[in-house]
């Protein structure tokens, strides 16, 4: 009975370990790669691309801005004419213009609407694919869905690591190098921090 119970927990441990590994595999590869690119960000050349768009908001729609609010019709106009969906709650309003900051991974963007003429000016800056991946790593301007993904991925990595540690314990008798390797992996970053990282 005791042997059956132990076999059940060992099977569950193996299953949890490989499932958490499967869930986090692609994300581990992504975050490992971007860890390298972030560490060498100054050494990786980037090509900045700036895109601008200009338009004029029709007077009928412009009048609705008088109440410091944007109607669905204005949002639809931006989607059709500029392929943009502005986040109106983040807009800054004054007597002359409406300003929207439109940050995104790997770049920045902003938009202004002149409240008297209806002139719209949009500028987008892209710093390239590596900068985009680096911002995904940091969760910069990625929104709530990506933030949740990072948290779930981190939990999967914790499960993967903890179950891996328990499996190391279970099989360490037949693998004498297990704990020296674990100790090396633990002490190495500690020694680097103590002797080579200025705080």
Protein backbone atom coordinates (compact mmCIF):
# COMPACT_ATOMS: atom_id res chain seq x y z
CA UNK A 1 0.00 0.00 0.00
CA UNK A 2 2.81 2.36 0.94
CA UNK A 3 4.71 1.44 -2.24
CA UNK A 4 1.62 2.15 -4.35
CA UNK A 5 1.21 5.56 -2.73
CA UNK A 6 4.86 6.41 -3.37
CA UNK A 7 4.59 5.26 -6.99
CA UNK A 8 1.52 7.48 -7.42
CA UNK A 9 3.36 10.58 -6.15
CA UNK A 10 6.42 9.85 -8.26
CA UNK A 11 4.25 9.52 -11.38
CA UNK A 12 2.44 12.76 -10.49
CA UNK A 13 5.76 14.48 -9.97
CA UNK A 14 7.05 13.34 -13.37
CA UNK A 15 3.80 14.35 -15.04
CA UNK A 16 3.79 17.80 -13.41
CA UNK A 17 7.43 18.30 -14.37
CA UNK A 18 7.01 17.55 -18.06
CA UNK A 19 3.69 19.39 -18.37
CA UNK A 20 5.17 22.55 -16.82
CA UNK A 21 8.19 22.14 -19.11
CA UNK A 22 5.96 21.84 -22.17
CA UNK A 23 3.91 24.89 -21.18
CA UNK A 24 6.95 27.08 -20.58
CA UNK A 25 9.28 25.74 -23.30
CA UNK A 26 8.76 28.40 -25.97
CA UNK A 27 8.64 31.20 -23.41
CA UNK A 28 11.87 29.96 -21.79
CA UNK A 29 13.55 30.06 -25.21
CA UNK A 30 12.19 33.56 -25.86
CA UNK A 31 13.17 34.96 -22.47
CA UNK A 32 16.59 33.30 -22.61
CA UNK A 33 17.28 34.80 -26.04
CA UNK A 34 16.07 38.25 -25.01
CA UNK A 35 18.10 37.98 -21.82
CA UNK A 36 21.18 37.84 -24.06
CA UNK A 37 19.99 40.66 -26.31
CA UNK A 38 19.18 42.85 -23.30
CA UNK A 39 22.57 42.15 -21.77
CA UNK A 40 24.22 43.26 -25.03
CA UNK A 41 21.75 45.96 -26.04
CA UNK A 42 24.52 48.56 -26.50
CA UNK A 43 26.39 46.22 -28.87
CA UNK A 44 23.44 45.36 -31.12
CA UNK A 45 22.83 47.97 -33.82
CA UNK A 46 19.25 49.08 -34.28
CA UNK A 47 17.62 50.81 -37.22
CA UNK A 48 15.10 53.41 -36.17
CA UNK A 49 12.19 53.93 -38.56
CA UNK A 50 9.90 56.93 -38.24
CA UNK A 51 6.48 56.90 -39.89
CA UNK A 52 4.22 59.93 -40.06
CA UNK A 53 0.62 60.34 -41.15
CA UNK A 54 -1.43 63.48 -41.62
CA UNK A 55 -5.17 63.91 -42.10
CA UNK A 56 -7.99 66.30 -41.29
CA UNK A 57 -10.91 65.36 -39.09
CA UNK A 58 -14.24 66.31 -40.71
CA UNK A 59 -15.88 69.34 -39.10
CA UNK A 60 -18.91 67.32 -38.05
CA UNK A 61 -16.74 64.95 -36.05
CA UNK A 62 -14.48 67.74 -34.83
CA UNK A 63 -17.41 69.40 -33.10
CA UNK A 64 -17.84 66.38 -30.83
CA UNK A 65 -14.42 67.06 -29.31
CA UNK A 66 -15.80 70.16 -27.64
CA UNK A 67 -16.98 68.06 -24.74
CA UNK A 68 -13.53 66.58 -24.11
CA UNK A 69 -14.69 63.20 -25.31
CA UNK A 70 -14.41 61.07 -28.40
CA UNK A 71 -17.45 59.42 -29.92
CA UNK A 72 -17.46 55.95 -31.49
CA UNK A 73 -17.78 57.72 -34.85
CA UNK A 74 -14.40 59.42 -34.33
CA UNK A 75 -12.80 56.13 -33.35
CA UNK A 76 -14.25 54.54 -36.49
CA UNK A 77 -12.89 57.43 -38.61
CA UNK A 78 -9.38 56.85 -37.21
CA UNK A 79 -9.63 53.14 -37.94
CA UNK A 80 -10.70 53.74 -41.54
CA UNK A 81 -8.39 56.62 -42.46
CA UNK A 82 -5.27 56.07 -40.33
CA UNK A 83 -5.61 52.40 -39.30
CA UNK A 84 -5.39 53.49 -35.64
CA UNK A 85 -7.47 52.82 -32.56
CA UNK A 86 -6.60 55.60 -30.11
CA UNK A 87 -6.94 55.01 -26.37
CA UNK A 88 -9.05 58.06 -25.61
CA UNK A 89 -9.02 57.75 -21.80
CA UNK A 90 -5.25 58.42 -21.99
CA UNK A 91 -5.68 61.62 -24.01
CA UNK A 92 -4.50 64.99 -22.75
CA UNK A 93 -6.91 67.81 -23.56
CA UNK A 94 -6.28 71.55 -23.72
CA UNK A 95 -7.84 74.48 -25.57
CA UNK A 96 -5.69 74.07 -28.69
CA UNK A 97 -5.22 70.34 -29.19
CA UNK A 98 -5.80 66.78 -28.08
CA UNK A 99 -2.61 64.82 -27.47
CA UNK A 100 -2.42 61.05 -27.23
CA UNK A 101 0.66 59.14 -26.20
CA UNK A 102 0.59 55.74 -27.95
CA UNK A 103 3.47 53.68 -26.57
CA UNK A 104 4.09 50.20 -27.90
CA UNK A 105 6.74 47.49 -27.63
CA UNK A 106 9.83 48.28 -29.67
CA UNK A 107 8.93 51.90 -30.25
CA UNK A 108 6.76 54.85 -29.44
CA UNK A 109 4.03 56.85 -31.11
CA UNK A 110 1.95 59.93 -30.51
CA UNK A 111 -1.00 61.68 -32.07
CA UNK A 112 -2.31 65.25 -32.01
CA UNK A 113 -5.62 66.72 -33.13
CA UNK A 114 -5.83 70.49 -33.57
CA UNK A 115 -9.17 71.42 -32.04
CA UNK A 116 -9.80 74.39 -34.31
CA UNK A 117 -8.74 73.08 -37.73
CA UNK A 118 -9.14 69.34 -37.18
CA UNK A 119 -5.61 68.70 -38.44
CA UNK A 120 -4.38 65.31 -37.30
CA UNK A 121 -0.70 64.45 -37.07
CA UNK A 122 0.58 61.00 -36.17
CA UNK A 123 4.17 59.89 -35.68
CA UNK A 124 5.37 56.36 -34.97
CA UNK A 125 8.93 55.34 -34.13
CA UNK A 126 10.09 51.73 -34.48
CA UNK A 127 13.48 50.61 -33.15
CA UNK A 128 13.42 47.20 -34.86
CA UNK A 129 12.67 43.58 -34.06
CA UNK A 130 15.27 43.13 -31.32
CA UNK A 131 13.94 46.17 -29.44
CA UNK A 132 10.44 44.75 -29.82
CA UNK A 133 11.53 41.41 -28.32
CA UNK A 134 13.42 43.19 -25.53
CA UNK A 135 10.29 45.14 -24.60
CA UNK A 136 8.29 41.90 -24.53
CA UNK A 137 10.87 40.56 -22.08
CA UNK A 138 10.45 43.62 -19.84
CA UNK A 139 6.68 43.81 -20.28
CA UNK A 140 7.08 47.41 -21.51
CA UNK A 141 3.88 48.82 -23.02
CA UNK A 142 2.53 45.33 -23.70
CA UNK A 143 -0.87 45.52 -21.99
CA UNK A 144 -2.59 43.38 -19.39
CA UNK A 145 -2.86 40.20 -21.46
CA UNK A 146 0.91 39.94 -21.91
CA UNK A 147 1.44 40.85 -18.26
CA UNK A 148 -0.81 37.94 -17.27
CA UNK A 149 1.09 35.66 -19.64
CA UNK A 150 4.41 36.60 -17.99
CA UNK A 151 2.97 35.82 -14.55
CA UNK A 152 1.54 32.47 -15.65
CA UNK A 153 4.78 31.60 -17.42
CA UNK A 154 6.76 32.49 -14.27
CA UNK A 155 4.56 30.17 -12.19
CA UNK A 156 5.08 27.37 -14.76
CA UNK A 157 8.85 27.92 -14.51
CA UNK A 158 8.67 27.73 -10.71
CA UNK A 159 6.74 24.46 -10.91
CA UNK A 160 9.22 23.12 -13.46
CA UNK A 161 12.20 24.09 -11.28
CA UNK A 162 10.77 22.85 -7.98
CA UNK A 163 9.65 19.50 -9.41
CA UNK A 164 13.05 19.20 -11.09
CA UNK A 165 14.76 19.76 -7.74
CA UNK A 166 12.62 17.07 -6.11
CA UNK A 167 13.42 14.67 -8.97
CA UNK A 168 17.12 15.41 -8.48
CA UNK A 169 16.69 14.44 -4.85
CA UNK A 170 14.92 11.19 -5.77
CA UNK A 171 17.59 10.08 -8.25
CA UNK A 172 20.70 11.61 -6.69
CA UNK A 173 21.81 8.29 -5.13
CA UNK A 174 22.58 6.92 -8.57
CA UNK A 175 24.05 10.22 -9.82
CA UNK A 176 26.85 11.31 -7.47
CA UNK A 177 27.57 14.50 -9.43
CA UNK A 178 24.05 15.85 -8.78
CA UNK A 179 24.66 17.93 -5.67
CA UNK A 180 28.12 19.21 -6.65
CA UNK A 181 26.54 20.53 -9.84
CA UNK A 182 23.61 22.07 -7.93
CA UNK A 183 26.05 23.66 -5.49
CA UNK A 184 28.10 25.07 -8.39
CA UNK A 185 25.00 26.55 -9.99
CA UNK A 186 24.06 28.13 -6.66
CA UNK A 187 27.47 29.45 -5.62
CA UNK A 188 28.59 30.81 -8.98
CA UNK A 189 26.10 33.71 -9.18
CA UNK A 190 26.60 34.45 -5.48
CA UNK A 191 30.39 34.71 -5.93
CA UNK A 192 29.99 36.85 -9.05
CA UNK A 193 27.71 39.23 -7.15
CA UNK A 194 30.06 39.42 -4.17
CA UNK A 195 33.30 40.00 -6.07
CA UNK A 196 32.46 41.47 -9.47
CA UNK A 197 29.21 43.42 -9.16
CA UNK A 198 29.51 46.85 -7.57
CA UNK A 199 26.64 47.78 -5.30
